[in-house]
C-alpha atoms as a PDB file:
ATOM      1  CA  UNK A   1     135.901-248.630  33.681  1.00  0.00           C
ATOM      2  CA  UNK A   2     134.109-245.760  31.948  1.00  0.00           C
ATOM      3  CA  UNK A   3     131.461-248.123  30.581  1.00  0.00           C
ATOM      4  CA  UNK A   4     130.868-249.546  34.062  1.00  0.00           C
ATOM      5  CA  UNK A   5     130.435-246.040  35.466  1.00  0.00           C
ATOM      6  CA  UNK A   6     128.017-245.100  32.671  1.00  0.00           C
ATOM      7  CA  UNK A   7     125.959-248.271  33.178  1.00  0.00           C
ATOM      8  CA  UNK A   8     125.712-247.648  36.934  1.00  0.00           C
ATOM      9  CA  UNK A   9     122.608-245.463  36.576  1.00  0.00           C
ATOM     10  CA  UNK A  10     122.006-244.983  40.308  1.00  0.00           C
ATOM     11  CA  UNK A  11     125.700-244.441  41.134  1.00  0.00           C
ATOM     12  CA  UNK A  12     125.856-247.084  43.877  1.00  0.00           C
ATOM     13  CA  UNK A  13     129.048-248.674  42.526  1.00  0.00           C
ATOM     14  CA  UNK A  14     127.311-251.912  41.471  1.00  0.00           C
ATOM     15  CA  UNK A  15     125.259-253.032  38.491  1.00  0.00           C
ATOM     16  CA  UNK A  16     121.815-254.536  38.875  1.00  0.00           C
ATOM     17  CA  UNK A  17     120.531-256.870  36.169  1.00  0.00           C
ATOM     18  CA  UNK A  18     118.376-254.004  34.833  1.00  0.00           C
ATOM     19  CA  UNK A  19     121.402-251.687  34.606  1.00  0.00           C
ATOM     20  CA  UNK A  20     123.533-254.415  33.004  1.00  0.00           C
ATOM     21  CA  UNK A  21     121.018-255.266  30.257  1.00  0.00           C
ATOM     22  CA  UNK A  22     120.630-251.571  29.436  1.00  0.00           C
ATOM     23  CA  UNK A  23     124.271-251.675  28.305  1.00  0.00           C
ATOM     24  CA  UNK A  24     124.296-255.266  27.007  1.00  0.00           C
ATOM     25  CA  UNK A  25     120.767-256.198  25.849  1.00  0.00           C
ATOM     26  CA  UNK A  26     121.792-259.775  24.965  1.00  0.00           C
ATOM     27  CA  UNK A  27     122.886-260.500  28.553  1.00  0.00           C
ATOM     28  CA  UNK A  28     120.889-263.354  30.058  1.00  0.00           C
ATOM     29  CA  UNK A  29     119.957-263.811  33.687  1.00  0.00           C
ATOM     30  CA  UNK A  30     122.000-267.043  33.740  1.00  0.00           C
ATOM     31  CA  UNK A  31     125.186-265.256  32.624  1.00  0.00           C
ATOM     32  CA  UNK A  32     124.527-262.397  35.054  1.00  0.00           C
ATOM     33  CA  UNK A  33     124.106-264.917  37.888  1.00  0.00           C
ATOM     34  CA  UNK A  34     127.330-266.704  36.901  1.00  0.00           C
ATOM     35  CA  UNK A  35     129.227-263.398  37.028  1.00  0.00           C
ATOM     36  CA  UNK A  36     127.631-262.507  40.387  1.00  0.00           C
ATOM     37  CA  UNK A  37     130.089-264.638  42.347  1.00  0.00           C
ATOM     38  CA  UNK A  38     128.997-263.410  45.783  1.00  0.00           C
ATOM     39  CA  UNK A  39     125.293-263.951  44.991  1.00  0.00           C
ATOM     40  CA  UNK A  40     124.119-260.512  46.134  1.00  0.00           C
ATOM     41  CA  UNK A  41     122.164-259.784  42.944  1.00  0.00           C
ATOM     42  CA  UNK A  42     124.586-257.076  41.800  1.00  0.00           C
ATOM     43  CA  UNK A  43     127.789-257.031  39.771  1.00  0.00           C
ATOM     44  CA  UNK A  44     130.650-255.199  41.420  1.00  0.00           C
ATOM     45  CA  UNK A  45     133.746-253.893  39.637  1.00  0.00           C
ATOM     46  CA  UNK A  46     135.739-256.716  41.297  1.00  0.00           C
ATOM     47  CA  UNK A  47     133.387-259.397  39.969  1.00  0.00           C
ATOM     48  CA  UNK A  48     133.801-258.003  36.452  1.00  0.00           C
ATOM     49  CA  UNK A  49     137.559-257.477  36.715  1.00  0.00           C
ATOM     50  CA  UNK A  50     137.177-253.711  36.305  1.00  0.00           C
ATOM     51  CA  UNK A  51     139.522-251.341  38.092  1.00  0.00           C
ATOM     52  CA  UNK A  52     137.110-248.430  38.485  1.00  0.00           C
ATOM     53  CA  UNK A  53     139.814-246.323  40.146  1.00  0.00           C
ATOM     54  CA  UNK A  54     142.342-246.689  37.351  1.00  0.00           C
ATOM     55  CA  UNK A  55     143.823-243.353  36.355  1.00  0.00           C
ATOM     56  CA  UNK A  56     146.369-244.644  33.868  1.00  0.00           C
ATOM     57  CA  UNK A  57     146.014-243.301  30.354  1.00  0.00           C
ATOM     58  CA  UNK A  58     147.540-246.303  28.618  1.00  0.00           C
ATOM     59  CA  UNK A  59     145.236-249.031  29.869  1.00  0.00           C
ATOM     60  CA  UNK A  60     141.585-249.896  29.767  1.00  0.00           C
ATOM     61  CA  UNK A  61     141.290-250.425  33.509  1.00  0.00           C
ATOM     62  CA  UNK A  62     140.393-254.080  33.076  1.00  0.00           C
ATOM     63  CA  UNK A  63     142.049-256.985  34.865  1.00  0.00           C
ATOM     64  CA  UNK A  64     141.927-260.559  33.592  1.00  0.00           C
ATOM     65  CA  UNK A  65     139.325-262.726  35.270  1.00  0.00           C
ATOM     66  CA  UNK A  66     139.015-266.490  35.585  1.00  0.00           C
ATOM     67  CA  UNK A  67     135.908-266.390  33.368  1.00  0.00           C
ATOM     68  CA  UNK A  68     137.781-264.555  30.615  1.00  0.00           C
ATOM     69  CA  UNK A  69     140.662-267.020  30.867  1.00  0.00           C
ATOM     70  CA  UNK A  70     138.247-269.963  30.689  1.00  0.00           C
ATOM     71  CA  UNK A  71     136.475-268.499  27.657  1.00  0.00           C
ATOM     72  CA  UNK A  72     139.795-267.915  25.885  1.00  0.00           C
ATOM     73  CA  UNK A  73     140.902-271.482  26.598  1.00  0.00           C
ATOM     74  CA  UNK A  74     137.572-272.875  25.403  1.00  0.00           C
ATOM     75  CA  UNK A  75     137.754-270.914  22.145  1.00  0.00           C
ATOM     76  CA  UNK A  76     141.297-272.183  21.628  1.00  0.00           C
ATOM     77  CA  UNK A  77     140.176-275.782  22.103  1.00  0.00           C
ATOM     78  CA  UNK A  78     137.278-275.305  19.695  1.00  0.00           C
ATOM     79  CA  UNK A  79     139.698-273.908  17.129  1.00  0.00           C
ATOM     80  CA  UNK A  80     142.026-276.895  17.541  1.00  0.00           C
ATOM     81  CA  UNK A  81     139.089-279.289  17.192  1.00  0.00           C
ATOM     82  CA  UNK A  82     138.026-277.561  13.978  1.00  0.00           C
ATOM     83  CA  UNK A  83     141.542-277.820  12.537  1.00  0.00           C
ATOM     84  CA  UNK A  84     141.726-281.503  13.484  1.00  0.00           C
ATOM     85  CA  UNK A  85     138.329-282.183  11.906  1.00  0.00           C
ATOM     86  CA  UNK A  86     139.333-280.345   8.712  1.00  0.00           C
ATOM     87  CA  UNK A  87     142.483-282.468   8.369  1.00  0.00           C
ATOM     88  CA  UNK A  88     140.371-285.647   8.403  1.00  0.00           C
ATOM     89  CA  UNK A  89     138.561-284.548   5.237  1.00  0.00           C
END
């Protein structure tokens, strides 16, 4: 949540592509567009799974998102495929 707030240079509560790449230079337009689920050209805290209003001291203020779950599942499947391929040798 703090990183989102820092990246939001104009303080409008959303991240433009320019603001997002300032914090993550490797971010591509294609990934930005995939995260921009409502297609407005900006990333909101909801689209990123960030709870910008979180005041708890024991959490990071981040909620799981479907994209994060999909990435985790994909990495798990890649790992299983690598183990299976190694057993064939």
